[in-house]
Amino acid sequence: MSPSLLDAAGLGRYGQALLETLLMVGACAAISVSLGLLLALVLTVTAPGGLYARPVLHKVLSVLVNILRAVPFIILLVALLPVTRYIVGTTLGTWAAVVPLSFSLTPYFARIAQVSLNEVDAGLIEAARAMGCRRRHIVRHVLLPEALPGIVGGITVSVIGMINASAMAGAVGAGGLGDMAIRYGYERYETRVMFDVIIILVVLVTLVQLAGEWLARCANHRK
């Protein structure tokens, strides 16, 4: 019998699937945002004319990011199975999906964050340098605060992308709402289950979007 939002057993299964999705997305977000922001900072400051100009390093990292972004998630998921098995000891389950999700979303977020960092007014940076600020202080007190609203917006977009990708990962046994839609909705021809999962995902994405917009407004010190 297929689960239903209208009965206790079905509600428990939907709750479990939602929890697995939130665990996947939460862990992936923590990893991808941390590594992606670091990568974006390196790409920004090592660019020609940057605070720590290293054109060769910038070019190598830029090409690597472009390559990773070009690989479709489902292909990356399969290609990284040996890496996933080495890191978490298995290729199935919620935590196994975190590895390919992080590999996929880190370069994606890095590019979004890089755009926000590049949009910081160059005059502010030059003014800080003219006042004798060290380069690391410029990064911490000028570059990051000025780019923060855009970075928060990028995190919002990336988290929504993670939710979509986590649903796709359910097709290969990663658990979560995607797995529930495949097992109960598609394989058992239960259209209601797929409809319920879609509703949950829409609500989840809407909440993330609203929260992200609110945080971006709070981070915007210019208003």
N, C-alpha and C. Protein backbone atom coordinates (compact mmCIF):
# COMPACT_ATOMS: atom_id res chain seq x y z
N MET A 1 0.84 -1.20 0.00
CA MET A 1 0.00 0.00 0.00
C MET A 1 0.88 1.25 0.00
N SER A 2 0.58 2.20 -0.85
CA SER A 2 1.39 3.40 -0.97
C SER A 2 1.13 4.34 0.20
N PRO A 3 2.14 5.12 0.60
CA PRO A 3 1.98 6.06 1.70
C PRO A 3 1.07 7.21 1.32
N SER A 4 0.42 7.76 2.31
CA SER A 4 -0.45 8.90 2.07
C SER A 4 -0.26 9.93 3.15
N LEU A 5 -0.32 11.18 2.78
CA LEU A 5 -0.22 12.26 3.75
C LEU A 5 -1.39 12.28 4.71
N LEU A 6 -2.44 11.53 4.37
CA LEU A 6 -3.66 11.56 5.17
C LEU A 6 -3.66 10.54 6.30
N ASP A 7 -2.72 9.60 6.33
CA ASP A 7 -2.68 8.62 7.41
C ASP A 7 -1.35 8.72 8.15
N ALA A 8 -1.33 8.20 9.38
CA ALA A 8 -0.17 8.34 10.24
C ALA A 8 1.06 7.65 9.67
N ALA A 9 0.89 6.43 9.15
CA ALA A 9 2.02 5.68 8.60
C ALA A 9 2.62 6.42 7.40
N GLY A 10 1.72 6.90 6.53
CA GLY A 10 2.20 7.62 5.36
C GLY A 10 2.89 8.92 5.74
N LEU A 11 2.32 9.61 6.73
CA LEU A 11 2.91 10.86 7.19
C LEU A 11 4.31 10.62 7.75
N GLY A 12 4.48 9.48 8.44
CA GLY A 12 5.79 9.15 8.96
C GLY A 12 6.80 8.90 7.86
N ARG A 13 6.38 8.26 6.79
CA ARG A 13 7.29 7.99 5.67
C ARG A 13 7.66 9.28 4.95
N TYR A 14 6.68 10.15 4.77
CA TYR A 14 6.98 11.44 4.15
C TYR A 14 7.92 12.24 5.05
N GLY A 15 7.68 12.18 6.35
CA GLY A 15 8.55 12.89 7.29
C GLY A 15 9.98 12.37 7.24
N GLN A 16 10.13 11.04 7.15
CA GLN A 16 11.45 10.43 7.07
C GLN A 16 12.15 10.85 5.78
N ALA A 17 11.40 10.83 4.68
CA ALA A 17 11.97 11.23 3.38
C ALA A 17 12.38 12.69 3.40
N LEU A 18 11.56 13.54 4.01
CA LEU A 18 11.89 14.96 4.12
C LEU A 18 13.14 15.16 4.97
N LEU A 19 13.24 14.43 6.07
CA LEU A 19 14.41 14.53 6.94
C LEU A 19 15.68 14.13 6.19
N GLU A 20 15.61 13.05 5.40
CA GLU A 20 16.76 12.62 4.62
C GLU A 20 17.17 13.68 3.61
N THR A 21 16.18 14.32 2.98
CA THR A 21 16.48 15.38 2.03
C THR A 21 17.13 16.56 2.73
N LEU A 22 16.61 16.94 3.89
CA LEU A 22 17.18 18.06 4.63
C LEU A 22 18.60 17.76 5.10
N LEU A 23 18.86 16.51 5.49
CA LEU A 23 20.22 16.13 5.89
C LEU A 23 21.18 16.23 4.71
N MET A 24 20.74 15.73 3.56
CA MET A 24 21.57 15.81 2.36
C MET A 24 21.89 17.25 2.01
N VAL A 25 20.83 18.05 1.93
CA VAL A 25 20.98 19.45 1.53
C VAL A 25 21.79 20.23 2.57
N GLY A 26 21.52 20.01 3.86
CA GLY A 26 22.24 20.72 4.90
C GLY A 26 23.73 20.43 4.89
N ALA A 27 24.09 19.14 4.81
CA ALA A 27 25.50 18.77 4.80
C ALA A 27 26.18 19.29 3.53
N CYS A 28 25.50 19.14 2.41
CA CYS A 28 26.06 19.62 1.14
C CYS A 28 26.22 21.13 1.15
N ALA A 29 25.24 21.84 1.71
CA ALA A 29 25.31 23.30 1.76
C ALA A 29 26.51 23.75 2.60
N ALA A 30 26.72 23.11 3.74
CA ALA A 30 27.85 23.48 4.60
C ALA A 30 29.17 23.29 3.88
N ILE A 31 29.30 22.17 3.17
CA ILE A 31 30.55 21.88 2.46
C ILE A 31 30.71 22.78 1.24
N SER A 32 29.67 22.86 0.43
CA SER A 32 29.76 23.60 -0.83
C SER A 32 29.93 25.10 -0.62
N VAL A 33 29.21 25.65 0.35
CA VAL A 33 29.33 27.10 0.60
C VAL A 33 30.72 27.42 1.15
N SER A 34 31.22 26.61 2.06
CA SER A 34 32.55 26.87 2.63
C SER A 34 33.64 26.78 1.57
N LEU A 35 33.67 25.66 0.85
CA LEU A 35 34.69 25.47 -0.18
C LEU A 35 34.48 26.41 -1.36
N GLY A 36 33.21 26.62 -1.73
CA GLY A 36 32.92 27.48 -2.87
C GLY A 36 33.31 28.93 -2.61
N LEU A 37 33.04 29.42 -1.39
CA LEU A 37 33.40 30.79 -1.06
C LEU A 37 34.92 30.95 -1.03
N LEU A 38 35.60 29.96 -0.49
CA LEU A 38 37.06 30.01 -0.48
C LEU A 38 37.61 30.02 -1.90
N LEU A 39 37.05 29.17 -2.75
CA LEU A 39 37.47 29.12 -4.14
C LEU A 39 37.18 30.43 -4.86
N ALA A 40 36.02 31.02 -4.58
CA ALA A 40 35.66 32.29 -5.20
C ALA A 40 36.63 33.40 -4.78
N LEU A 41 37.00 33.41 -3.51
CA LEU A 41 37.96 34.41 -3.03
C LEU A 41 39.31 34.25 -3.72
N VAL A 42 39.76 33.01 -3.84
CA VAL A 42 41.04 32.77 -4.51
C VAL A 42 40.98 33.21 -5.97
N LEU A 43 39.88 32.88 -6.65
CA LEU A 43 39.73 33.29 -8.05
C LEU A 43 39.71 34.80 -8.19
N THR A 44 39.09 35.47 -7.22
CA THR A 44 38.97 36.93 -7.30
C THR A 44 40.29 37.63 -7.03
N VAL A 45 40.97 37.25 -5.97
CA VAL A 45 42.19 37.97 -5.58
C VAL A 45 43.39 37.59 -6.44
N THR A 46 43.35 36.42 -7.12
CA THR A 46 44.48 36.02 -7.97
C THR A 46 44.29 36.43 -9.43
N ALA A 47 43.15 37.02 -9.74
CA ALA A 47 42.91 37.48 -11.11
C ALA A 47 43.89 38.60 -11.46
N PRO A 48 44.17 38.79 -12.75
CA PRO A 48 45.04 39.90 -13.15
C PRO A 48 44.52 41.23 -12.59
N GLY A 49 45.37 41.95 -11.88
CA GLY A 49 44.96 43.20 -11.25
C GLY A 49 44.36 43.02 -9.88
N GLY A 50 44.27 41.78 -9.39
CA GLY A 50 43.70 41.51 -8.09
C GLY A 50 44.67 41.81 -6.96
N LEU A 51 44.21 41.61 -5.74
CA LEU A 51 45.04 41.90 -4.58
C LEU A 51 46.27 41.01 -4.50
N TYR A 52 46.12 39.75 -4.92
CA TYR A 52 47.24 38.81 -4.95
C TYR A 52 47.34 38.24 -6.36
N ALA A 53 47.58 39.08 -7.33
CA ALA A 53 47.55 38.67 -8.75
C ALA A 53 48.47 37.48 -9.03
N ARG A 54 47.86 36.38 -9.45
CA ARG A 54 48.59 35.18 -9.87
C ARG A 54 47.89 34.64 -11.12
N PRO A 55 48.15 35.21 -12.28
CA PRO A 55 47.41 34.86 -13.50
C PRO A 55 47.41 33.37 -13.83
N VAL A 56 48.54 32.70 -13.64
CA VAL A 56 48.61 31.27 -13.98
C VAL A 56 47.72 30.45 -13.06
N LEU A 57 47.81 30.68 -11.75
CA LEU A 57 46.96 29.98 -10.80
C LEU A 57 45.49 30.28 -11.07
N HIS A 58 45.19 31.53 -11.35
CA HIS A 58 43.81 31.92 -11.65
C HIS A 58 43.29 31.17 -12.87
N LYS A 59 44.09 31.07 -13.90
CA LYS A 59 43.67 30.39 -15.13
C LYS A 59 43.43 28.91 -14.89
N VAL A 60 44.34 28.27 -14.15
CA VAL A 60 44.20 26.83 -13.87
C VAL A 60 42.93 26.56 -13.08
N LEU A 61 42.70 27.34 -12.03
CA LEU A 61 41.50 27.16 -11.21
C LEU A 61 40.24 27.45 -12.01
N SER A 62 40.29 28.46 -12.84
CA SER A 62 39.11 28.82 -13.64
C SER A 62 38.74 27.70 -14.60
N VAL A 63 39.74 27.11 -15.24
CA VAL A 63 39.49 26.00 -16.16
C VAL A 63 38.92 24.80 -15.41
N LEU A 64 39.48 24.51 -14.22
CA LEU A 64 39.00 23.39 -13.41
C LEU A 64 37.54 23.58 -13.01
N VAL A 65 37.20 24.79 -12.60
CA VAL A 65 35.82 25.09 -12.21
C VAL A 65 34.89 24.92 -13.41
N ASN A 66 35.31 25.39 -14.56
CA ASN A 66 34.48 25.28 -15.77
C ASN A 66 34.25 23.82 -16.15
N ILE A 67 35.29 22.99 -15.99
CA ILE A 67 35.15 21.56 -16.32
C ILE A 67 34.14 20.90 -15.39
N LEU A 68 34.27 21.15 -14.09
CA LEU A 68 33.36 20.54 -13.13
C LEU A 68 31.92 21.01 -13.34
N ARG A 69 31.75 22.27 -13.69
CA ARG A 69 30.41 22.80 -13.92
C ARG A 69 29.78 22.21 -15.17
N ALA A 70 30.62 21.79 -16.12
CA ALA A 70 30.10 21.29 -17.40
C ALA A 70 29.60 19.86 -17.32
N VAL A 71 30.01 19.13 -16.27
CA VAL A 71 29.63 17.71 -16.15
C VAL A 71 28.24 17.62 -15.54
N PRO A 72 27.28 16.99 -16.21
CA PRO A 72 25.94 16.82 -15.64
C PRO A 72 26.00 16.06 -14.32
N PHE A 73 25.10 16.42 -13.41
CA PHE A 73 25.15 15.84 -12.06
C PHE A 73 25.03 14.32 -12.08
N ILE A 74 24.12 13.79 -12.87
CA ILE A 74 23.90 12.34 -12.87
C ILE A 74 25.14 11.59 -13.34
N ILE A 75 25.90 12.18 -14.29
CA ILE A 75 27.15 11.56 -14.75
C ILE A 75 28.21 11.67 -13.67
N LEU A 76 28.28 12.83 -13.03
CA LEU A 76 29.25 13.02 -11.95
C LEU A 76 28.97 12.07 -10.81
N LEU A 77 27.70 11.85 -10.52
CA LEU A 77 27.30 10.95 -9.44
C LEU A 77 27.85 9.55 -9.68
N VAL A 78 27.72 9.06 -10.92
CA VAL A 78 28.21 7.73 -11.26
C VAL A 78 29.73 7.69 -11.30
N ALA A 79 30.34 8.73 -11.86
CA ALA A 79 31.79 8.76 -12.00
C ALA A 79 32.49 8.78 -10.65
N LEU A 80 31.84 9.35 -9.65
CA LEU A 80 32.45 9.49 -8.33
C LEU A 80 32.13 8.34 -7.39
N LEU A 81 31.52 7.28 -7.90
CA LEU A 81 31.18 6.15 -7.03
C LEU A 81 32.39 5.59 -6.27
N PRO A 82 33.56 5.42 -6.92
CA PRO A 82 34.73 4.93 -6.15
C PRO A 82 35.15 5.91 -5.06
N VAL A 83 35.09 7.20 -5.36
CA VAL A 83 35.45 8.22 -4.36
C VAL A 83 34.46 8.21 -3.21
N THR A 84 33.18 8.09 -3.56
CA THR A 84 32.14 8.04 -2.53
C THR A 84 32.31 6.83 -1.63
N ARG A 85 32.60 5.69 -2.24
CA ARG A 85 32.80 4.46 -1.45
C ARG A 85 34.00 4.61 -0.53
N TYR A 86 35.06 5.27 -1.00
CA TYR A 86 36.26 5.44 -0.19
C TYR A 86 36.00 6.37 0.99
N ILE A 87 35.21 7.42 0.77
CA ILE A 87 35.00 8.44 1.81
C ILE A 87 33.99 7.98 2.86
N VAL A 88 32.84 7.47 2.41
CA VAL A 88 31.78 7.12 3.35
C VAL A 88 31.58 5.61 3.51
N GLY A 89 32.30 4.81 2.72
CA GLY A 89 32.22 3.36 2.87
C GLY A 89 31.09 2.69 2.13
N THR A 90 30.26 3.47 1.43
CA THR A 90 29.14 2.91 0.68
C THR A 90 28.77 3.87 -0.45
N THR A 91 28.05 3.35 -1.43
CA THR A 91 27.58 4.20 -2.53
C THR A 91 26.07 4.40 -2.48
N LEU A 92 25.44 3.89 -1.42
CA LEU A 92 24.00 4.02 -1.28
C LEU A 92 23.66 4.79 0.00
N GLY A 93 22.52 5.42 0.01
CA GLY A 93 22.07 6.09 1.22
C GLY A 93 22.26 7.60 1.17
N THR A 94 21.75 8.23 2.21
CA THR A 94 21.74 9.68 2.27
C THR A 94 23.13 10.29 2.28
N TRP A 95 24.02 9.76 3.13
CA TRP A 95 25.34 10.37 3.25
C TRP A 95 26.19 10.13 2.02
N ALA A 96 25.95 9.03 1.31
CA ALA A 96 26.70 8.76 0.09
C ALA A 96 26.41 9.81 -0.98
N ALA A 97 25.20 10.37 -0.96
CA ALA A 97 24.82 11.37 -1.95
C ALA A 97 25.49 12.71 -1.69
N VAL A 98 25.95 12.94 -0.46
CA VAL A 98 26.55 14.22 -0.11
C VAL A 98 27.84 14.46 -0.92
N VAL A 99 28.58 13.41 -1.19
CA VAL A 99 29.86 13.55 -1.90
C VAL A 99 29.67 14.09 -3.32
N PRO A 100 28.89 13.42 -4.18
CA PRO A 100 28.70 13.99 -5.53
C PRO A 100 27.94 15.32 -5.52
N LEU A 101 27.01 15.49 -4.59
CA LEU A 101 26.31 16.77 -4.49
C LEU A 101 27.29 17.90 -4.20
N SER A 102 28.23 17.66 -3.29
CA SER A 102 29.20 18.69 -2.94
C SER A 102 30.14 18.98 -4.10
N PHE A 103 30.57 17.94 -4.80
CA PHE A 103 31.44 18.13 -5.97
C PHE A 103 30.73 18.93 -7.05
N SER A 104 29.44 18.70 -7.19
CA SER A 104 28.67 19.36 -8.23
C SER A 104 28.35 20.81 -7.89
N LEU A 105 27.99 21.07 -6.63
CA LEU A 105 27.53 22.40 -6.25
C LEU A 105 28.64 23.36 -5.86
N THR A 106 29.80 22.86 -5.45
CA THR A 106 30.89 23.75 -5.04
C THR A 106 31.33 24.69 -6.17
N PRO A 107 31.66 24.18 -7.36
CA PRO A 107 32.05 25.11 -8.43
C PRO A 107 30.90 26.00 -8.89
N TYR A 108 29.69 25.49 -8.80
CA TYR A 108 28.51 26.28 -9.17
C TYR A 108 28.38 27.51 -8.27
N PHE A 109 28.47 27.27 -6.96
CA PHE A 109 28.38 28.38 -6.02
C PHE A 109 29.60 29.29 -6.12
N ALA A 110 30.77 28.70 -6.38
CA ALA A 110 31.99 29.51 -6.49
C ALA A 110 31.86 30.57 -7.57
N ARG A 111 31.28 30.21 -8.70
CA ARG A 111 31.10 31.18 -9.77
C ARG A 111 30.11 32.28 -9.38
N ILE A 112 29.04 31.89 -8.71
CA ILE A 112 28.06 32.90 -8.27
C ILE A 112 28.70 33.87 -7.28
N ALA A 113 29.45 33.32 -6.32
CA ALA A 113 30.11 34.17 -5.32
C ALA A 113 31.17 35.04 -5.98
N GLN A 114 31.86 34.50 -6.97
CA GLN A 114 32.90 35.27 -7.66
C GLN A 114 32.30 36.48 -8.36
N VAL A 115 31.13 36.31 -8.97
CA VAL A 115 30.46 37.43 -9.63
C VAL A 115 30.15 38.53 -8.61
N SER A 116 29.66 38.14 -7.44
CA SER A 116 29.34 39.13 -6.40
C SER A 116 30.61 39.85 -5.92
N LEU A 117 31.69 39.11 -5.76
CA LEU A 117 32.95 39.71 -5.32
C LEU A 117 33.52 40.66 -6.37
N ASN A 118 33.37 40.29 -7.64
CA ASN A 118 33.88 41.14 -8.72
C ASN A 118 33.08 42.42 -8.88
N GLU A 119 31.84 42.42 -8.37
CA GLU A 119 31.00 43.61 -8.50
C GLU A 119 31.25 44.66 -7.42
N VAL A 120 32.10 44.34 -6.47
CA VAL A 120 32.45 45.32 -5.44
C VAL A 120 33.17 46.50 -6.08
N ASP A 121 32.77 47.69 -5.72
CA ASP A 121 33.34 48.90 -6.30
C ASP A 121 34.86 48.93 -6.11
N ALA A 122 35.57 49.00 -7.23
CA ALA A 122 37.04 49.03 -7.17
C ALA A 122 37.54 50.26 -6.42
N GLY A 123 36.75 51.34 -6.43
CA GLY A 123 37.15 52.55 -5.72
C GLY A 123 37.28 52.33 -4.23
N LEU A 124 36.40 51.49 -3.66
CA LEU A 124 36.48 51.20 -2.23
C LEU A 124 37.78 50.46 -1.90
N ILE A 125 38.14 49.53 -2.76
CA ILE A 125 39.38 48.77 -2.54
C ILE A 125 40.59 49.68 -2.66
N GLU A 126 40.59 50.54 -3.67
CA GLU A 126 41.71 51.47 -3.84
C GLU A 126 41.81 52.44 -2.67
N ALA A 127 40.65 52.89 -2.17
CA ALA A 127 40.65 53.79 -1.03
C ALA A 127 41.24 53.11 0.20
N ALA A 128 40.87 51.84 0.40
CA ALA A 128 41.41 51.09 1.54
C ALA A 128 42.91 50.90 1.41
N ARG A 129 43.38 50.64 0.19
CA ARG A 129 44.82 50.47 -0.02
C ARG A 129 45.55 51.79 0.20
N ALA A 130 44.92 52.89 -0.21
CA ALA A 130 45.54 54.20 -0.05
C ALA A 130 45.69 54.56 1.43
N MET A 131 44.77 54.04 2.26
CA MET A 131 44.84 54.30 3.70
C MET A 131 45.81 53.37 4.41
N GLY A 132 46.45 52.48 3.66
CA GLY A 132 47.46 51.61 4.24
C GLY A 132 46.94 50.28 4.76
N CYS A 133 45.72 49.91 4.41
CA CYS A 133 45.16 48.63 4.86
C CYS A 133 45.92 47.46 4.24
N ARG A 134 46.16 46.46 5.01
CA ARG A 134 46.77 45.25 4.49
C ARG A 134 45.78 44.52 3.60
N ARG A 135 46.31 43.74 2.70
CA ARG A 135 45.44 43.07 1.72
C ARG A 135 44.47 42.12 2.39
N ARG A 136 44.90 41.40 3.42
CA ARG A 136 43.99 40.48 4.09
C ARG A 136 42.88 41.23 4.81
N HIS A 137 43.21 42.46 5.29
CA HIS A 137 42.18 43.26 5.94
C HIS A 137 41.17 43.80 4.93
N ILE A 138 41.66 44.09 3.73
CA ILE A 138 40.76 44.54 2.66
C ILE A 138 39.78 43.43 2.31
N VAL A 139 40.28 42.20 2.22
CA VAL A 139 39.42 41.06 1.92
C VAL A 139 38.36 40.89 3.00
N ARG A 140 38.79 40.99 4.25
CA ARG A 140 37.87 40.74 5.37
C ARG A 140 36.91 41.88 5.63
N HIS A 141 37.38 43.11 5.54
CA HIS A 141 36.56 44.25 5.97
C HIS A 141 35.96 45.06 4.82
N VAL A 142 36.39 44.81 3.61
CA VAL A 142 35.84 45.55 2.47
C VAL A 142 35.20 44.60 1.46
N LEU A 143 35.97 43.67 0.96
CA LEU A 143 35.50 42.80 -0.12
C LEU A 143 34.31 41.94 0.29
N LEU A 144 34.47 41.21 1.39
CA LEU A 144 33.40 40.31 1.83
C LEU A 144 32.14 41.05 2.29
N PRO A 145 32.25 42.08 3.15
CA PRO A 145 31.02 42.78 3.56
C PRO A 145 30.26 43.41 2.40
N GLU A 146 30.98 43.99 1.44
CA GLU A 146 30.31 44.63 0.31
C GLU A 146 29.62 43.61 -0.59
N ALA A 147 30.21 42.42 -0.70
CA ALA A 147 29.64 41.39 -1.57
C ALA A 147 28.64 40.49 -0.86
N LEU A 148 28.46 40.68 0.44
CA LEU A 148 27.65 39.76 1.24
C LEU A 148 26.21 39.60 0.74
N PRO A 149 25.49 40.67 0.39
CA PRO A 149 24.12 40.46 -0.10
C PRO A 149 24.06 39.55 -1.33
N GLY A 150 24.99 39.76 -2.26
CA GLY A 150 25.03 38.91 -3.44
C GLY A 150 25.41 37.48 -3.11
N ILE A 151 26.31 37.32 -2.16
CA ILE A 151 26.72 35.97 -1.73
C ILE A 151 25.56 35.24 -1.09
N VAL A 152 24.79 35.94 -0.25
CA VAL A 152 23.62 35.33 0.38
C VAL A 152 22.61 34.93 -0.69
N GLY A 153 22.41 35.79 -1.69
CA GLY A 153 21.53 35.43 -2.79
C GLY A 153 22.04 34.21 -3.54
N GLY A 154 23.35 34.13 -3.70
CA GLY A 154 23.94 32.96 -4.36
C GLY A 154 23.76 31.69 -3.55
N ILE A 155 23.85 31.81 -2.23
CA ILE A 155 23.61 30.65 -1.37
C ILE A 155 22.18 30.17 -1.53
N THR A 156 21.24 31.12 -1.61
CA THR A 156 19.83 30.76 -1.79
C THR A 156 19.62 29.98 -3.07
N VAL A 157 20.17 30.50 -4.17
CA VAL A 157 20.04 29.82 -5.47
C VAL A 157 20.70 28.44 -5.42
N SER A 158 21.86 28.36 -4.78
CA SER A 158 22.59 27.08 -4.71
C SER A 158 21.84 26.05 -3.87
N VAL A 159 21.27 26.48 -2.75
CA VAL A 159 20.52 25.54 -1.90
C VAL A 159 19.31 25.00 -2.66
N ILE A 160 18.64 25.86 -3.42
CA ILE A 160 17.51 25.40 -4.23
C ILE A 160 18.00 24.39 -5.27
N GLY A 161 19.16 24.66 -5.86
CA GLY A 161 19.74 23.70 -6.79
C GLY A 161 20.08 22.39 -6.11
N MET A 162 20.53 22.45 -4.85
CA MET A 162 20.84 21.23 -4.10
C MET A 162 19.57 20.41 -3.85
N ILE A 163 18.47 21.11 -3.57
CA ILE A 163 17.20 20.41 -3.34
C ILE A 163 16.80 19.65 -4.60
N ASN A 164 16.92 20.31 -5.75
CA ASN A 164 16.58 19.66 -7.01
C ASN A 164 17.50 18.48 -7.29
N ALA A 165 18.81 18.67 -7.04
CA ALA A 165 19.77 17.60 -7.29
C ALA A 165 19.58 16.44 -6.32
N SER A 166 19.19 16.74 -5.07
CA SER A 166 18.97 15.67 -4.10
C SER A 166 17.79 14.80 -4.52
N ALA A 167 16.79 15.42 -5.13
CA ALA A 167 15.66 14.64 -5.64
C ALA A 167 16.12 13.73 -6.77
N MET A 168 17.03 14.23 -7.61
CA MET A 168 17.57 13.42 -8.70
C MET A 168 18.41 12.27 -8.15
N ALA A 169 19.14 12.54 -7.07
CA ALA A 169 19.98 11.50 -6.47
C ALA A 169 19.14 10.35 -5.92
N GLY A 170 17.88 10.64 -5.62
CA GLY A 170 16.99 9.58 -5.14
C GLY A 170 16.81 8.47 -6.14
N ALA A 171 17.05 8.76 -7.41
CA ALA A 171 16.89 7.74 -8.45
C ALA A 171 17.95 6.64 -8.36
N VAL A 172 19.05 6.90 -7.63
CA VAL A 172 20.10 5.91 -7.50
C VAL A 172 20.26 5.46 -6.04
N GLY A 173 19.17 5.52 -5.29
CA GLY A 173 19.17 4.97 -3.94
C GLY A 173 19.71 5.89 -2.88
N ALA A 174 19.65 7.20 -3.10
CA ALA A 174 20.18 8.13 -2.10
C ALA A 174 19.18 8.43 -1.00
N GLY A 175 17.95 7.96 -1.14
CA GLY A 175 16.94 8.26 -0.14
C GLY A 175 16.34 9.63 -0.37
N GLY A 176 15.51 10.05 0.56
CA GLY A 176 14.91 11.37 0.45
C GLY A 176 13.63 11.37 -0.37
N LEU A 177 13.16 12.58 -0.67
CA LEU A 177 11.90 12.73 -1.38
C LEU A 177 11.97 12.19 -2.80
N GLY A 178 13.12 12.34 -3.44
CA GLY A 178 13.28 11.82 -4.80
C GLY A 178 13.14 10.31 -4.84
N ASP A 179 13.76 9.64 -3.87
CA ASP A 179 13.67 8.18 -3.78
C ASP A 179 12.23 7.75 -3.55
N MET A 180 11.51 8.48 -2.71
CA MET A 180 10.11 8.14 -2.44
C MET A 180 9.26 8.30 -3.71
N ALA A 181 9.51 9.38 -4.46
CA ALA A 181 8.75 9.61 -5.69
C ALA A 181 9.01 8.51 -6.70
N ILE A 182 10.27 8.03 -6.76
CA ILE A 182 10.61 6.97 -7.72
C ILE A 182 10.00 5.64 -7.30
N ARG A 183 10.23 5.26 -6.03
CA ARG A 183 9.80 3.94 -5.56
C ARG A 183 8.29 3.78 -5.48
N TYR A 184 7.64 4.79 -4.90
CA TYR A 184 6.20 4.68 -4.68
C TYR A 184 5.39 5.34 -5.81
N GLY A 185 5.91 6.43 -6.34
CA GLY A 185 5.15 7.14 -7.37
C GLY A 185 5.31 6.58 -8.76
N TYR A 186 6.58 6.42 -9.19
CA TYR A 186 6.84 5.99 -10.57
C TYR A 186 6.73 4.48 -10.73
N GLU A 187 7.45 3.72 -9.91
CA GLU A 187 7.50 2.27 -10.07
C GLU A 187 6.16 1.60 -9.75
N ARG A 188 5.39 2.19 -8.85
CA ARG A 188 4.10 1.60 -8.48
C ARG A 188 2.91 2.35 -9.10
N TYR A 189 3.24 3.28 -9.98
CA TYR A 189 2.19 4.04 -10.70
C TYR A 189 1.22 4.73 -9.75
N GLU A 190 1.75 5.26 -8.64
CA GLU A 190 0.93 6.00 -7.69
C GLU A 190 1.12 7.50 -7.94
N THR A 191 0.29 8.03 -8.79
CA THR A 191 0.41 9.45 -9.16
C THR A 191 0.28 10.35 -7.95
N ARG A 192 -0.55 9.95 -6.98
CA ARG A 192 -0.77 10.77 -5.80
C ARG A 192 0.53 11.01 -5.04
N VAL A 193 1.37 9.96 -4.94
CA VAL A 193 2.62 10.10 -4.21
C VAL A 193 3.53 11.12 -4.89
N MET A 194 3.64 11.02 -6.22
CA MET A 194 4.46 11.97 -6.95
C MET A 194 3.92 13.40 -6.78
N PHE A 195 2.60 13.53 -6.78
CA PHE A 195 1.99 14.85 -6.60
C PHE A 195 2.29 15.39 -5.20
N ASP A 196 2.22 14.50 -4.19
CA ASP A 196 2.52 14.92 -2.82
C ASP A 196 3.98 15.38 -2.69
N VAL A 197 4.89 14.62 -3.31
CA VAL A 197 6.31 14.97 -3.24
C VAL A 197 6.56 16.32 -3.92
N ILE A 198 5.90 16.54 -5.05
CA ILE A 198 6.05 17.82 -5.75
C ILE A 198 5.60 18.97 -4.86
N ILE A 199 4.47 18.78 -4.18
CA ILE A 199 3.96 19.83 -3.29
C ILE A 199 4.96 20.13 -2.17
N ILE A 200 5.51 19.07 -1.56
CA ILE A 200 6.48 19.25 -0.49
C ILE A 200 7.71 19.99 -1.00
N LEU A 201 8.20 19.61 -2.19
CA LEU A 201 9.38 20.27 -2.75
C LEU A 201 9.10 21.74 -3.07
N VAL A 202 7.92 22.02 -3.60
CA VAL A 202 7.56 23.41 -3.92
C VAL A 202 7.52 24.25 -2.64
N VAL A 203 6.92 23.70 -1.59
CA VAL A 203 6.86 24.42 -0.31
C VAL A 203 8.26 24.64 0.25
N LEU A 204 9.10 23.60 0.16
CA LEU A 204 10.46 23.69 0.69
C LEU A 204 11.26 24.75 -0.06
N VAL A 205 11.17 24.74 -1.39
CA VAL A 205 11.89 25.72 -2.20
C VAL A 205 11.39 27.14 -1.92
N THR A 206 10.07 27.28 -1.76
CA THR A 206 9.50 28.60 -1.47
C THR A 206 10.00 29.13 -0.14
N LEU A 207 10.06 28.29 0.87
CA LEU A 207 10.56 28.71 2.18
C LEU A 207 12.02 29.13 2.12
N VAL A 208 12.81 28.35 1.37
CA VAL A 208 14.23 28.69 1.22
C VAL A 208 14.38 30.03 0.51
N GLN A 209 13.59 30.24 -0.54
CA GLN A 209 13.66 31.48 -1.30
C GLN A 209 13.29 32.68 -0.43
N LEU A 210 12.21 32.56 0.33
CA LEU A 210 11.78 33.65 1.20
C LEU A 210 12.82 33.95 2.28
N ALA A 211 13.37 32.89 2.86
CA ALA A 211 14.40 33.07 3.90
C ALA A 211 15.64 33.72 3.31
N GLY A 212 16.02 33.29 2.12
CA GLY A 212 17.20 33.85 1.47
C GLY A 212 17.02 35.32 1.13
N GLU A 213 15.84 35.70 0.65
CA GLU A 213 15.58 37.11 0.34
C GLU A 213 15.61 37.97 1.60
N TRP A 214 15.07 37.44 2.69
CA TRP A 214 15.08 38.19 3.95
C TRP A 214 16.50 38.37 4.47
N LEU A 215 17.31 37.32 4.41
CA LEU A 215 18.69 37.42 4.87
C LEU A 215 19.50 38.37 3.99
N ALA A 216 19.23 38.36 2.68
CA ALA A 216 19.95 39.26 1.78
C ALA A 216 19.63 40.72 2.10
N ARG A 217 18.36 40.98 2.42
CA ARG A 217 17.98 42.35 2.80
C ARG A 217 18.66 42.76 4.11
N CYS A 218 18.75 41.82 5.04
CA CYS A 218 19.41 42.13 6.31
C CYS A 218 20.90 42.38 6.12
N ALA A 219 21.50 41.68 5.16
CA ALA A 219 22.94 41.81 4.92
C ALA A 219 23.30 43.05 4.13
N ASN A 220 22.30 43.66 3.51
CA ASN A 220 22.55 44.84 2.68
C ASN A 220 22.61 46.09 3.58
N HIS A 221 23.81 46.50 3.92
CA HIS A 221 23.97 47.64 4.83
C HIS A 221 23.76 48.98 4.14
N ARG A 222 23.57 48.96 2.82
CA ARG A 222 23.41 50.20 2.09
C ARG A 222 21.99 50.76 2.23
N LYS A 223 21.06 49.90 2.70
CA LYS A 223 19.66 50.35 2.80
C LYS A 223 19.34 50.74 4.24
